[in-house]
């Protein structure tokens, strides 16, 4: 008897064509396996996040959605949500939006606007104060943190964040923290530049991080004096975001490309 299988996609999200942006693995399941099986599948795939989808039969959404790094389940993943929507909408003739029910972040909606997909995420609030491991990340001018492990470090210039060479083992020892390092962008085309480190969750440097921009949006909208701006994630693969602060939501726009499509044989 053959093993059960799931449709599988590898999507580059918040990129500018294939091999840019952040890799999201997407699996379409009939029902939820146990959590350890989900974690082992994510560890097998070894991308920043794997998005697992099961049809939602409650009427609240179209699909249930969970995200795993190679080590742990996460509370929110913007690029995994965008990648999941791209995988679904590319097959759905005429469909322009999809809704996901999540465990910790409510119902998330993604809408298509031409070549751009726009995901609506909840704002992640942070408060001014010292962050764990601050001395490992250069000399930020301002620091903010949240009880959920999101740490925002603001620098004077993009060159400072590009020069960061963190001790990932030391940062990982601090636990499942996300370190969001940001500054005004140096070149035209983006208002801000950012790098994101999450070694405590098995992702030393993330390529393009939607959840980080759910933290960044409110700070930069206030500082720039505008609700809409463009953002550049200065990772080796690069990430590009259209950001809009809309009350207690953040609208993130980006492009996706499917690079692999096939079948994943489940354990």
C-alpha atoms as a PDB file:
ATOM      1  CA  UNK A   1       0.000   0.000   0.000  1.00  0.00           C
ATOM      2  CA  UNK A   2       1.391   3.417  -0.951  1.00  0.00           C
ATOM      3  CA  UNK A   3       2.041   6.026   1.735  1.00  0.00           C
ATOM      4  CA  UNK A   4      -0.453   8.899   2.118  1.00  0.00           C
ATOM      5  CA  UNK A   5       0.563  12.005   0.202  1.00  0.00           C
ATOM      6  CA  UNK A   6       0.000  15.758   0.263  1.00  0.00           C
ATOM      7  CA  UNK A   7       0.258  18.367  -2.462  1.00  0.00           C
ATOM      8  CA  UNK A   8       3.487  20.271  -1.944  1.00  0.00           C
ATOM      9  CA  UNK A   9       4.719  23.676  -3.086  1.00  0.00           C
ATOM     10  CA  UNK A  10       7.936  25.594  -2.503  1.00  0.00           C
ATOM     11  CA  UNK A  11       7.225  29.299  -2.903  1.00  0.00           C
ATOM     12  CA  UNK A  12       9.597  32.260  -2.840  1.00  0.00           C
ATOM     13  CA  UNK A  13       7.624  35.006  -1.066  1.00  0.00           C
ATOM     14  CA  UNK A  14       8.283  38.761  -0.881  1.00  0.00           C
ATOM     15  CA  UNK A  15      10.808  38.359  -3.680  1.00  0.00           C
ATOM     16  CA  UNK A  16      11.475  39.638  -7.161  1.00  0.00           C
ATOM     17  CA  UNK A  17      11.401  36.420  -9.092  1.00  0.00           C
ATOM     18  CA  UNK A  18      12.720  32.934  -8.284  1.00  0.00           C
ATOM     19  CA  UNK A  19      15.540  32.462  -5.757  1.00  0.00           C
ATOM     20  CA  UNK A  20      14.800  35.770  -4.026  1.00  0.00           C
ATOM     21  CA  UNK A  21      12.645  36.581  -1.025  1.00  0.00           C
ATOM     22  CA  UNK A  22      11.908  33.929   1.591  1.00  0.00           C
ATOM     23  CA  UNK A  23      11.259  30.246   0.996  1.00  0.00           C
ATOM     24  CA  UNK A  24       7.939  28.898   2.258  1.00  0.00           C
ATOM     25  CA  UNK A  25       7.079  25.230   1.978  1.00  0.00           C
ATOM     26  CA  UNK A  26       3.317  24.671   1.675  1.00  0.00           C
ATOM     27  CA  UNK A  27       1.559  21.343   2.305  1.00  0.00           C
ATOM     28  CA  UNK A  28      -2.151  20.767   1.677  1.00  0.00           C
ATOM     29  CA  UNK A  29      -3.441  18.155   4.136  1.00  0.00           C
ATOM     30  CA  UNK A  30      -6.819  16.451   4.559  1.00  0.00           C
ATOM     31  CA  UNK A  31      -6.615  16.408   8.371  1.00  0.00           C
ATOM     32  CA  UNK A  32      -4.158  17.364  11.093  1.00  0.00           C
ATOM     33  CA  UNK A  33      -1.514  14.806  12.070  1.00  0.00           C
ATOM     34  CA  UNK A  34       0.017  15.067  15.532  1.00  0.00           C
ATOM     35  CA  UNK A  35       2.275  18.025  16.321  1.00  0.00           C
ATOM     36  CA  UNK A  36       5.461  15.957  16.380  1.00  0.00           C
ATOM     37  CA  UNK A  37       4.799  14.784  12.821  1.00  0.00           C
ATOM     38  CA  UNK A  38       4.360  18.392  11.702  1.00  0.00           C
ATOM     39  CA  UNK A  39       7.617  19.360  13.381  1.00  0.00           C
ATOM     40  CA  UNK A  40       9.473  16.431  11.785  1.00  0.00           C
ATOM     41  CA  UNK A  41       8.165  17.344   8.330  1.00  0.00           C
ATOM     42  CA  UNK A  42       9.334  20.950   8.809  1.00  0.00           C
ATOM     43  CA  UNK A  43      12.738  19.662   9.957  1.00  0.00           C
ATOM     44  CA  UNK A  44      12.901  17.475   6.837  1.00  0.00           C
ATOM     45  CA  UNK A  45      12.177  20.409   4.529  1.00  0.00           C
ATOM     46  CA  UNK A  46      14.653  22.742   6.292  1.00  0.00           C
ATOM     47  CA  UNK A  47      13.305  26.063   5.061  1.00  0.00           C
ATOM     48  CA  UNK A  48      12.574  29.014   7.320  1.00  0.00           C
ATOM     49  CA  UNK A  49       8.883  28.093   7.610  1.00  0.00           C
ATOM     50  CA  UNK A  50       6.578  25.332   6.476  1.00  0.00           C
ATOM     51  CA  UNK A  51       2.897  26.253   6.170  1.00  0.00           C
ATOM     52  CA  UNK A  52       0.458  23.405   6.826  1.00  0.00           C
ATOM     53  CA  UNK A  53      -3.117  23.748   5.545  1.00  0.00           C
ATOM     54  CA  UNK A  54      -6.293  21.792   6.296  1.00  0.00           C
ATOM     55  CA  UNK A  55      -9.739  22.715   4.899  1.00  0.00           C
ATOM     56  CA  UNK A  56     -11.771  24.736   7.393  1.00  0.00           C
ATOM     57  CA  UNK A  57     -15.279  23.361   7.717  1.00  0.00           C
ATOM     58  CA  UNK A  58     -16.470  25.802  10.394  1.00  0.00           C
ATOM     59  CA  UNK A  59     -17.392  28.546   7.944  1.00  0.00           C
ATOM     60  CA  UNK A  60     -15.034  31.027   9.638  1.00  0.00           C
ATOM     61  CA  UNK A  61     -12.389  30.706   6.933  1.00  0.00           C
ATOM     62  CA  UNK A  62     -11.400  28.721   3.858  1.00  0.00           C
ATOM     63  CA  UNK A  63      -8.449  26.889   5.411  1.00  0.00           C
ATOM     64  CA  UNK A  64      -6.869  26.302   8.791  1.00  0.00           C
ATOM     65  CA  UNK A  65      -3.194  27.324   8.818  1.00  0.00           C
ATOM     66  CA  UNK A  66      -0.224  26.540  11.056  1.00  0.00           C
ATOM     67  CA  UNK A  67       3.471  27.376  10.617  1.00  0.00           C
ATOM     68  CA  UNK A  68       6.587  25.516  11.787  1.00  0.00           C
ATOM     69  CA  UNK A  69      10.282  26.360  11.583  1.00  0.00           C
ATOM     70  CA  UNK A  70      12.633  23.354  11.472  1.00  0.00           C
ATOM     71  CA  UNK A  71      12.472  23.411  15.287  1.00  0.00           C
ATOM     72  CA  UNK A  72       9.214  24.887  16.624  1.00  0.00           C
ATOM     73  CA  UNK A  73       5.710  26.097  15.836  1.00  0.00           C
ATOM     74  CA  UNK A  74       5.426  29.887  15.521  1.00  0.00           C
ATOM     75  CA  UNK A  75       2.675  32.366  16.453  1.00  0.00           C
ATOM     76  CA  UNK A  76       2.660  34.263  13.153  1.00  0.00           C
ATOM     77  CA  UNK A  77       4.414  33.968   9.795  1.00  0.00           C
ATOM     78  CA  UNK A  78       3.776  36.545   7.099  1.00  0.00           C
ATOM     79  CA  UNK A  79       5.771  34.998   4.285  1.00  0.00           C
ATOM     80  CA  UNK A  80       4.322  31.549   5.013  1.00  0.00           C
ATOM     81  CA  UNK A  81       0.813  33.006   4.809  1.00  0.00           C
ATOM     82  CA  UNK A  82       1.576  34.820   1.559  1.00  0.00           C
ATOM     83  CA  UNK A  83       3.156  31.669   0.102  1.00  0.00           C
ATOM     84  CA  UNK A  84       0.156  29.542   1.121  1.00  0.00           C
ATOM     85  CA  UNK A  85      -2.234  31.998  -0.518  1.00  0.00           C
ATOM     86  CA  UNK A  86      -0.147  32.044  -3.686  1.00  0.00           C
ATOM     87  CA  UNK A  87      -0.195  28.239  -3.892  1.00  0.00           C
ATOM     88  CA  UNK A  88      -3.990  28.188  -3.516  1.00  0.00           C
ATOM     89  CA  UNK A  89      -4.888  31.141  -5.725  1.00  0.00           C
ATOM     90  CA  UNK A  90      -2.710  30.073  -8.639  1.00  0.00           C
ATOM     91  CA  UNK A  91      -5.030  27.059  -9.014  1.00  0.00           C
ATOM     92  CA  UNK A  92      -8.316  28.858  -8.340  1.00  0.00           C
ATOM     93  CA  UNK A  93      -9.770  30.275 -11.519  1.00  0.00           C
ATOM     94  CA  UNK A  94     -11.001  33.803 -10.873  1.00  0.00           C
ATOM     95  CA  UNK A  95     -10.425  33.716  -7.094  1.00  0.00           C
ATOM     96  CA  UNK A  96      -8.831  36.865  -5.715  1.00  0.00           C
ATOM     97  CA  UNK A  97      -8.792  36.230  -1.940  1.00  0.00           C
ATOM     98  CA  UNK A  98      -8.452  33.465   0.637  1.00  0.00           C
ATOM     99  CA  UNK A  99      -9.036  33.416   4.416  1.00  0.00           C
ATOM    100  CA  UNK A 100      -7.030  31.417   6.944  1.00  0.00           C
ATOM    101  CA  UNK A 101      -8.045  30.479  10.488  1.00  0.00           C
ATOM    102  CA  UNK A 102      -4.974  30.438  12.756  1.00  0.00           C
ATOM    103  CA  UNK A 103      -4.443  29.385  16.372  1.00  0.00           C
ATOM    104  CA  UNK A 104      -2.949  32.596  17.759  1.00  0.00           C
ATOM    105  CA  UNK A 105      -3.380  35.341  15.169  1.00  0.00           C
ATOM    106  CA  UNK A 106      -7.078  35.122  14.359  1.00  0.00           C
ATOM    107  CA  UNK A 107      -8.387  34.976  10.801  1.00  0.00           C
ATOM    108  CA  UNK A 108      -5.875  36.243   8.225  1.00  0.00           C
ATOM    109  CA  UNK A 109      -6.960  37.311   4.753  1.00  0.00           C
ATOM    110  CA  UNK A 110      -4.824  37.526   1.623  1.00  0.00           C
ATOM    111  CA  UNK A 111      -6.104  39.354  -1.470  1.00  0.00           C
ATOM    112  CA  UNK A 112      -4.652  39.508  -4.968  1.00  0.00           C
ATOM    113  CA  UNK A 113      -4.059  42.910  -6.563  1.00  0.00           C
ATOM    114  CA  UNK A 114      -2.622  42.226 -10.013  1.00  0.00           C
ATOM    115  CA  UNK A 115       0.796  40.621  -9.491  1.00  0.00           C
ATOM    116  CA  UNK A 116       0.835  41.638  -5.825  1.00  0.00           C
ATOM    117  CA  UNK A 117      -0.574  39.629  -2.937  1.00  0.00           C
ATOM    118  CA  UNK A 118      -1.591  41.620   0.147  1.00  0.00           C
ATOM    119  CA  UNK A 119      -1.820  39.965   3.565  1.00  0.00           C
ATOM    120  CA  UNK A 120      -3.532  41.636   6.511  1.00  0.00           C
ATOM    121  CA  UNK A 121      -1.695  40.972   9.791  1.00  0.00           C
ATOM    122  CA  UNK A 122      -2.386  42.201  13.316  1.00  0.00           C
ATOM    123  CA  UNK A 123      -0.071  44.943  14.566  1.00  0.00           C
ATOM    124  CA  UNK A 124       2.448  43.547  17.056  1.00  0.00           C
ATOM    125  CA  UNK A 125       2.905  46.223  19.752  1.00  0.00           C
ATOM    126  CA  UNK A 126       6.253  46.783  21.455  1.00  0.00           C
ATOM    127  CA  UNK A 127       7.341  49.035  24.303  1.00  0.00           C
ATOM    128  CA  UNK A 128      10.549  51.013  24.729  1.00  0.00           C
ATOM    129  CA  UNK A 129      13.123  49.295  26.892  1.00  0.00           C
ATOM    130  CA  UNK A 130      16.267  47.162  26.852  1.00  0.00           C
ATOM    131  CA  UNK A 131      16.209  43.958  24.822  1.00  0.00           C
ATOM    132  CA  UNK A 132      17.912  40.658  25.644  1.00  0.00           C
ATOM    133  CA  UNK A 133      21.288  40.260  23.986  1.00  0.00           C
ATOM    134  CA  UNK A 134      21.452  43.938  23.102  1.00  0.00           C
ATOM    135  CA  UNK A 135      25.220  43.998  23.507  1.00  0.00           C
ATOM    136  CA  UNK A 136      25.542  41.323  20.813  1.00  0.00           C
ATOM    137  CA  UNK A 137      24.010  43.564  18.153  1.00  0.00           C
ATOM    138  CA  UNK A 138      26.109  46.695  17.789  1.00  0.00           C
ATOM    139  CA  UNK A 139      24.994  50.074  19.107  1.00  0.00           C
ATOM    140  CA  UNK A 140      21.298  50.711  18.424  1.00  0.00           C
ATOM    141  CA  UNK A 141      19.950  54.184  19.223  1.00  0.00           C
ATOM    142  CA  UNK A 142      16.533  52.911  20.365  1.00  0.00           C
ATOM    143  CA  UNK A 143      15.294  49.520  21.554  1.00  0.00           C
ATOM    144  CA  UNK A 144      11.795  48.104  22.040  1.00  0.00           C
ATOM    145  CA  UNK A 145      10.492  44.714  23.115  1.00  0.00           C
ATOM    146  CA  UNK A 146       7.316  42.695  23.576  1.00  0.00           C
ATOM    147  CA  UNK A 147       6.379  39.905  25.961  1.00  0.00           C
ATOM    148  CA  UNK A 148       5.993  37.613  22.930  1.00  0.00           C
ATOM    149  CA  UNK A 149       9.699  37.769  22.104  1.00  0.00           C
ATOM    150  CA  UNK A 150       9.754  40.419  19.380  1.00  0.00           C
ATOM    151  CA  UNK A 151      12.708  42.797  19.838  1.00  0.00           C
ATOM    152  CA  UNK A 152      13.091  45.960  17.761  1.00  0.00           C
ATOM    153  CA  UNK A 153      16.503  47.643  17.517  1.00  0.00           C
ATOM    154  CA  UNK A 154      16.763  50.948  15.639  1.00  0.00           C
ATOM    155  CA  UNK A 155      20.078  52.203  14.228  1.00  0.00           C
ATOM    156  CA  UNK A 156      21.156  55.516  12.755  1.00  0.00           C
ATOM    157  CA  UNK A 157      22.229  54.198   9.347  1.00  0.00           C
ATOM    158  CA  UNK A 158      21.681  51.179   7.094  1.00  0.00           C
ATOM    159  CA  UNK A 159      25.446  50.609   7.027  1.00  0.00           C
ATOM    160  CA  UNK A 160      25.293  49.690  10.727  1.00  0.00           C
ATOM    161  CA  UNK A 161      22.791  46.896  10.239  1.00  0.00           C
ATOM    162  CA  UNK A 162      24.582  45.601   7.149  1.00  0.00           C
ATOM    163  CA  UNK A 163      27.800  45.395   9.191  1.00  0.00           C
ATOM    164  CA  UNK A 164      26.238  43.261  11.960  1.00  0.00           C
ATOM    165  CA  UNK A 165      27.871  39.839  12.359  1.00  0.00           C
ATOM    166  CA  UNK A 166      25.989  38.328  15.314  1.00  0.00           C
ATOM    167  CA  UNK A 167      27.144  35.464  17.503  1.00  0.00           C
ATOM    168  CA  UNK A 168      24.217  33.211  16.613  1.00  0.00           C
ATOM    169  CA  UNK A 169      24.996  30.657  19.316  1.00  0.00           C
ATOM    170  CA  UNK A 170      24.868  33.398  21.972  1.00  0.00           C
ATOM    171  CA  UNK A 171      21.588  34.769  20.577  1.00  0.00           C
ATOM    172  CA  UNK A 172      20.087  31.272  20.369  1.00  0.00           C
ATOM    173  CA  UNK A 173      20.905  30.720  24.049  1.00  0.00           C
ATOM    174  CA  UNK A 174      18.471  33.563  24.862  1.00  0.00           C
ATOM    175  CA  UNK A 175      15.551  31.424  23.685  1.00  0.00           C
ATOM    176  CA  UNK A 176      12.904  31.900  20.975  1.00  0.00           C
ATOM    177  CA  UNK A 177      13.470  35.615  20.417  1.00  0.00           C
ATOM    178  CA  UNK A 178      13.163  37.558  17.159  1.00  0.00           C
ATOM    179  CA  UNK A 179      15.711  40.371  16.721  1.00  0.00           C
ATOM    180  CA  UNK A 180      14.568  43.024  14.236  1.00  0.00           C
ATOM    181  CA  UNK A 181      17.395  45.436  13.332  1.00  0.00           C
ATOM    182  CA  UNK A 182      16.318  48.442  11.271  1.00  0.00           C
ATOM    183  CA  UNK A 183      17.441  51.835   9.958  1.00  0.00           C
ATOM    184  CA  UNK A 184      16.540  54.338   7.248  1.00  0.00           C
ATOM    185  CA  UNK A 185      17.350  52.873   3.834  1.00  0.00           C
ATOM    186  CA  UNK A 186      20.493  54.209   2.189  1.00  0.00           C
ATOM    187  CA  UNK A 187      19.369  53.987  -1.442  1.00  0.00           C
ATOM    188  CA  UNK A 188      16.241  55.159  -3.293  1.00  0.00           C
ATOM    189  CA  UNK A 189      13.494  52.569  -3.727  1.00  0.00           C
ATOM    190  CA  UNK A 190      12.795  51.871  -0.068  1.00  0.00           C
ATOM    191  CA  UNK A 191      12.153  53.989   3.006  1.00  0.00           C
ATOM    192  CA  UNK A 192      13.610  51.531   5.519  1.00  0.00           C
ATOM    193  CA  UNK A 193      16.084  48.660   5.624  1.00  0.00           C
ATOM    194  CA  UNK A 194      15.988  45.728   8.033  1.00  0.00           C
ATOM    195  CA  UNK A 195      17.738  42.502   8.979  1.00  0.00           C
ATOM    196  CA  UNK A 196      16.044  39.848  11.142  1.00  0.00           C
ATOM    197  CA  UNK A 197      17.692  37.160  13.300  1.00  0.00           C
ATOM    198  CA  UNK A 198      15.790  34.279  14.939  1.00  0.00           C
ATOM    199  CA  UNK A 199      18.471  31.715  15.896  1.00  0.00           C
ATOM    200  CA  UNK A 200      16.513  30.490  18.927  1.00  0.00           C
ATOM    201  CA  UNK A 201      13.901  29.106  16.520  1.00  0.00           C
ATOM    202  CA  UNK A 202      16.412  27.580  14.120  1.00  0.00           C
ATOM    203  CA  UNK A 203      16.598  30.544  11.690  1.00  0.00           C
ATOM    204  CA  UNK A 204      19.924  32.412  12.125  1.00  0.00           C
ATOM    205  CA  UNK A 205      19.065  35.145   9.596  1.00  0.00           C
ATOM    206  CA  UNK A 206      15.649  35.238   7.984  1.00  0.00           C
ATOM    207  CA  UNK A 207      15.402  36.248   4.339  1.00  0.00           C
ATOM    208  CA  UNK A 208      12.095  38.178   4.315  1.00  0.00           C
ATOM    209  CA  UNK A 209      10.001  38.387   7.487  1.00  0.00           C
ATOM    210  CA  UNK A 210       6.350  39.402   7.421  1.00  0.00           C
ATOM    211  CA  UNK A 211       5.881  39.242  11.198  1.00  0.00           C
ATOM    212  CA  UNK A 212       8.812  41.647  11.698  1.00  0.00           C
ATOM    213  CA  UNK A 213       7.014  44.231   9.575  1.00  0.00           C
ATOM    214  CA  UNK A 214       3.939  43.813  11.766  1.00  0.00           C
ATOM    215  CA  UNK A 215       6.259  45.219  14.471  1.00  0.00           C
ATOM    216  CA  UNK A 216       7.988  47.780  12.267  1.00  0.00           C
ATOM    217  CA  UNK A 217       4.890  49.326  10.693  1.00  0.00           C
ATOM    218  CA  UNK A 218       3.693  51.418  13.624  1.00  0.00           C
ATOM    219  CA  UNK A 219       7.172  52.699  14.584  1.00  0.00           C
ATOM    220  CA  UNK A 220       8.100  53.745  11.057  1.00  0.00           C
ATOM    221  CA  UNK A 221       4.671  55.137  10.140  1.00  0.00           C
ATOM    222  CA  UNK A 222       4.954  57.498  13.103  1.00  0.00           C
ATOM    223  CA  UNK A 223       8.576  58.406  12.406  1.00  0.00           C
ATOM    224  CA  UNK A 224       8.081  58.898   8.646  1.00  0.00           C
ATOM    225  CA  UNK A 225       4.754  60.673   9.101  1.00  0.00           C
ATOM    226  CA  UNK A 226       3.045  58.443   6.545  1.00  0.00           C
ATOM    227  CA  UNK A 227       0.936  55.299   6.799  1.00  0.00           C
ATOM    228  CA  UNK A 228       2.319  53.736   3.590  1.00  0.00           C
ATOM    229  CA  UNK A 229       5.969  53.097   2.760  1.00  0.00           C
ATOM    230  CA  UNK A 230       8.262  50.581   1.101  1.00  0.00           C
ATOM    231  CA  UNK A 231      10.665  48.332   2.984  1.00  0.00           C
ATOM    232  CA  UNK A 232      13.781  46.376   2.033  1.00  0.00           C
ATOM    233  CA  UNK A 233      15.068  43.373   3.991  1.00  0.00           C
ATOM    234  CA  UNK A 234      18.819  43.365   3.514  1.00  0.00           C
ATOM    235  CA  UNK A 235      19.347  39.601   3.628  1.00  0.00           C
ATOM    236  CA  UNK A 236      21.501  37.738   1.082  1.00  0.00           C
ATOM    237  CA  UNK A 237      18.324  36.739  -0.833  1.00  0.00           C
ATOM    238  CA  UNK A 238      16.627  40.125  -0.362  1.00  0.00           C
ATOM    239  CA  UNK A 239      13.038  40.894   0.573  1.00  0.00           C
ATOM    240  CA  UNK A 240      10.703  43.637  -0.716  1.00  0.00           C
ATOM    241  CA  UNK A 241       7.558  44.851   1.056  1.00  0.00           C
ATOM    242  CA  UNK A 242       4.815  47.377   0.471  1.00  0.00           C
ATOM    243  CA  UNK A 243       3.728  48.352   4.005  1.00  0.00           C
ATOM    244  CA  UNK A 244       0.545  50.118   5.090  1.00  0.00           C
ATOM    245  CA  UNK A 245      -0.559  50.751   8.665  1.00  0.00           C
ATOM    246  CA  UNK A 246      -4.368  50.565   8.842  1.00  0.00           C
ATOM    247  CA  UNK A 247      -5.446  51.028  12.456  1.00  0.00           C
ATOM    248  CA  UNK A 248      -4.559  47.857  14.339  1.00  0.00           C
ATOM    249  CA  UNK A 249      -3.737  45.974  11.115  1.00  0.00           C
ATOM    250  CA  UNK A 250      -0.710  45.959   8.843  1.00  0.00           C
ATOM    251  CA  UNK A 251      -1.216  45.383   5.115  1.00  0.00           C
ATOM    252  CA  UNK A 252       1.871  43.806   3.564  1.00  0.00           C
ATOM    253  CA  UNK A 253       2.130  43.535  -0.194  1.00  0.00           C
ATOM    254  CA  UNK A 254       4.624  41.377  -2.045  1.00  0.00           C
ATOM    255  CA  UNK A 255       5.261  39.076  -4.964  1.00  0.00           C
ATOM    256  CA  UNK A 256       5.503  35.271  -4.914  1.00  0.00           C
ATOM    257  CA  UNK A 257       6.988  32.691  -7.284  1.00  0.00           C
ATOM    258  CA  UNK A 258       6.406  28.922  -7.195  1.00  0.00           C
ATOM    259  CA  UNK A 259       9.745  27.161  -7.717  1.00  0.00           C
ATOM    260  CA  UNK A 260       8.763  23.548  -6.869  1.00  0.00           C
ATOM    261  CA  UNK A 261       5.420  21.767  -7.080  1.00  0.00           C
ATOM    262  CA  UNK A 262       4.761  18.084  -6.470  1.00  0.00           C
ATOM    263  CA  UNK A 263       3.835  15.457  -3.901  1.00  0.00           C
ATOM    264  CA  UNK A 264       5.115  15.007  -0.355  1.00  0.00           C
ATOM    265  CA  UNK A 265       4.787  11.439   0.926  1.00  0.00           C
ATOM    266  CA  UNK A 266       3.667  11.604   4.525  1.00  0.00           C
ATOM    267  CA  UNK A 267       5.090   9.366   7.265  1.00  0.00           C
END
